[in-house]
């Protein structure tokens, strides 16, 4: 997980390991979470599957965009 603070919100980017079968390469589901003052504001669900843990940065980008349009 990667954390960032943006415009008064705590943002979390997630890279959740996914593996359909034993012999397939590991992939990561990217997602984001937005928190303000210990209150959960919004979560993205799975945004997309990625080949690396860079998926967490997609979650942070989603969270920043959410704050820009809703915050």
Protein backbone atom coordinates (compact mmCIF):
# COMPACT_ATOMS: atom_id res chain seq x y z
CA UNK A 1 0.00 0.00 0.00
CA UNK A 2 1.05 3.52 -0.71
CA UNK A 3 -0.26 6.48 1.32
CA UNK A 4 -0.57 10.14 0.38
CA UNK A 5 -2.21 13.23 1.86
CA UNK A 6 -4.05 15.42 -0.63
CA UNK A 7 -6.24 18.47 0.05
CA UNK A 8 -6.98 17.32 3.60
CA UNK A 9 -7.76 13.71 2.66
CA UNK A 10 -5.74 10.58 3.38
CA UNK A 11 -5.42 8.54 0.21
CA UNK A 12 -4.39 4.91 -0.05
CA UNK A 13 -3.37 3.07 -3.19
CA UNK A 14 -3.63 -0.72 -3.11
CA UNK A 15 -1.93 -3.46 -5.10
CA UNK A 16 -3.74 -6.72 -4.29
CA UNK A 17 -2.00 -9.88 -5.53
CA UNK A 18 -4.11 -11.97 -7.90
CA UNK A 19 -3.20 -15.40 -9.23
CA UNK A 20 -5.72 -17.43 -11.19
CA UNK A 21 -3.59 -20.56 -11.50
CA UNK A 22 -0.38 -21.85 -9.99
CA UNK A 23 1.66 -21.53 -13.20
CA UNK A 24 0.42 -18.09 -14.29
CA UNK A 25 2.46 -14.97 -13.46
CA UNK A 26 1.27 -12.96 -10.49
CA UNK A 27 -0.85 -9.92 -11.33
CA UNK A 28 -2.08 -7.12 -9.10
CA UNK A 29 -5.49 -5.50 -8.81
CA UNK A 30 -5.20 -1.75 -8.35
CA UNK A 31 -7.59 0.14 -6.11
CA UNK A 32 -7.90 3.26 -4.01
CA UNK A 33 -9.38 4.36 -0.69
CA UNK A 34 -10.19 7.88 0.52
CA UNK A 35 -10.35 8.73 4.24
CA UNK A 36 -10.93 12.04 6.01
CA UNK A 37 -10.74 12.46 9.77
CA UNK A 38 -10.86 8.69 10.44
CA UNK A 39 -14.01 8.38 8.30
CA UNK A 40 -14.12 6.26 5.17
CA UNK A 41 -15.25 8.51 2.32
CA UNK A 42 -15.04 6.30 -0.78
CA UNK A 43 -13.37 3.20 -2.23
CA UNK A 44 -12.79 2.44 -5.87
CA UNK A 45 -13.11 -1.31 -6.04
CA UNK A 46 -10.80 -2.96 -8.59
CA UNK A 47 -9.71 -0.40 -11.17
CA UNK A 48 -7.65 -2.67 -13.41
CA UNK A 49 -5.20 -5.59 -13.30
CA UNK A 50 -1.49 -4.78 -13.55
CA UNK A 51 1.68 -6.82 -14.00
CA UNK A 52 3.42 -5.20 -11.02
CA UNK A 53 2.79 -3.60 -7.67
CA UNK A 54 2.71 -0.28 -9.53
CA UNK A 55 -1.05 -0.92 -9.38
CA UNK A 56 -1.09 1.05 -6.13
CA UNK A 57 -0.20 4.23 -8.04
CA UNK A 58 -3.29 3.82 -10.20
CA UNK A 59 -5.29 3.74 -6.96
CA UNK A 60 -3.68 6.97 -5.78
CA UNK A 61 -4.34 8.63 -9.13
CA UNK A 62 -8.00 7.58 -8.95
CA UNK A 63 -8.27 8.94 -5.39
CA UNK A 64 -6.76 12.31 -6.34
CA UNK A 65 -9.16 12.61 -9.28
CA UNK A 66 -12.08 11.77 -6.97
CA UNK A 67 -11.05 14.49 -4.50
CA UNK A 68 -10.67 17.00 -7.34
CA UNK A 69 -14.23 16.36 -8.55
CA UNK A 70 -16.03 15.71 -5.24
CA UNK A 71 -13.92 17.31 -2.49
